[in-house]
Amino acid sequence: MSDQGMFGAPGTGDTSGYGGLVRTAASTGSSERPYGGYFDEVADDLERAYPLFSEAIERVVVDRGELTACEARKACGSF
């Protein structure tokens, strides 16, 4: 394995000049109810099925036709 990149450049071998760019992840906040569509029914069903849902899930995000439930770190392993 070689540590040299394209044209003998050390590191990644990026000769474009864009190697120093850093992408930051966009953090979306929690979506507010009503979510719209059938997402409210899904959230209600989850809350009925798992009584500690409101403690275990720190936020719910509805974006681009998808519902994402983000688990709180303290709840890991409690399912």
Protein backbone atom coordinates (compact mmCIF):
# COMPACT_ATOMS: atom_id res chain seq x y z
CA MET A 1 0.00 0.00 0.00
CA SER A 2 1.34 3.43 -0.89
CA ASP A 3 0.95 6.69 1.03
CA GLN A 4 1.34 8.66 -2.16
CA GLY A 5 -1.54 9.77 -4.29
CA MET A 6 -1.85 10.89 -7.86
CA PHE A 7 1.34 12.37 -9.41
CA GLY A 8 3.35 11.44 -6.29
CA ALA A 9 1.43 13.86 -4.04
CA PRO A 10 1.55 12.82 -0.37
CA GLY A 11 -1.72 12.14 1.48
CA THR A 12 -4.96 11.80 -0.45
CA GLY A 13 -3.54 12.72 -3.81
CA ASP A 14 -6.11 15.44 -4.30
CA THR A 15 -4.68 17.79 -6.88
CA SER A 16 -7.90 19.78 -7.36
CA GLY A 17 -7.32 22.15 -4.46
CA TYR A 18 -10.56 21.11 -2.75
CA GLY A 19 -8.99 18.65 -0.34
CA GLY A 20 -9.28 21.04 2.59
CA LEU A 21 -13.05 21.44 2.35
CA VAL A 22 -14.97 20.08 5.31
CA ARG A 23 -18.61 19.06 5.07
CA THR A 24 -20.70 19.61 8.16
CA ALA A 25 -23.83 17.60 8.73
CA ALA A 26 -27.03 19.58 8.87
CA SER A 27 -28.92 18.99 12.07
CA THR A 28 -32.66 19.19 11.70
CA GLY A 29 -34.84 19.97 14.65
CA SER A 30 -37.83 18.01 15.75
CA SER A 31 -40.97 18.14 13.62
CA GLU A 32 -44.13 19.48 15.23
CA ARG A 33 -47.46 17.67 15.26
CA PRO A 34 -49.54 17.24 13.23
CA TYR A 35 -46.96 15.52 11.02
CA GLY A 36 -49.42 15.07 8.16
CA GLY A 37 -50.43 12.04 6.18
CA TYR A 38 -50.40 8.77 8.06
CA PHE A 39 -47.40 9.77 10.20
CA ASP A 40 -49.63 10.87 13.09
CA GLU A 41 -51.26 7.43 13.15
CA VAL A 42 -47.85 5.73 13.13
CA ALA A 43 -46.63 7.90 16.02
CA ASP A 44 -49.84 7.24 17.99
CA ASP A 45 -49.48 3.48 17.42
CA LEU A 46 -45.86 3.57 18.60
CA GLU A 47 -46.85 5.45 21.75
CA ARG A 48 -49.59 2.91 22.50
CA ALA A 49 -47.29 -0.06 21.85
CA TYR A 50 -44.40 1.35 23.89
CA PRO A 51 -45.58 3.39 26.91
CA LEU A 52 -42.09 4.89 27.50
CA PHE A 53 -41.95 6.20 23.92
CA SER A 54 -41.92 9.86 25.00
CA GLU A 55 -38.92 9.24 27.29
CA ALA A 56 -37.01 6.96 24.90
CA ILE A 57 -37.41 9.08 21.75
CA GLU A 58 -35.84 12.52 21.98
CA ARG A 59 -37.17 13.82 18.66
CA VAL A 60 -39.22 12.83 15.66
CA VAL A 61 -38.34 14.24 12.24
CA VAL A 62 -40.63 14.06 9.23
CA ASP A 63 -38.80 15.04 6.06
CA ARG A 64 -39.13 14.08 2.40
CA GLY A 65 -41.81 11.49 3.02
CA GLU A 66 -39.94 9.71 5.83
CA LEU A 67 -40.47 9.60 9.60
CA THR A 68 -37.32 9.23 11.71
CA ALA A 69 -37.48 8.60 15.47
CA CYS A 70 -34.21 9.52 17.20
CA GLU A 71 -33.54 7.44 20.31
CA ALA A 72 -32.22 9.22 23.40
CA ARG A 73 -28.81 7.95 24.50
CA LYS A 74 -30.04 7.15 28.01
CA ALA A 75 -32.70 4.86 26.54
CA CYS A 76 -30.22 2.65 24.65
CA GLY A 77 -30.74 -0.97 25.50
CA SER A 78 -34.10 -0.45 27.17
CA PHE A 79 -36.15 -1.78 24.26
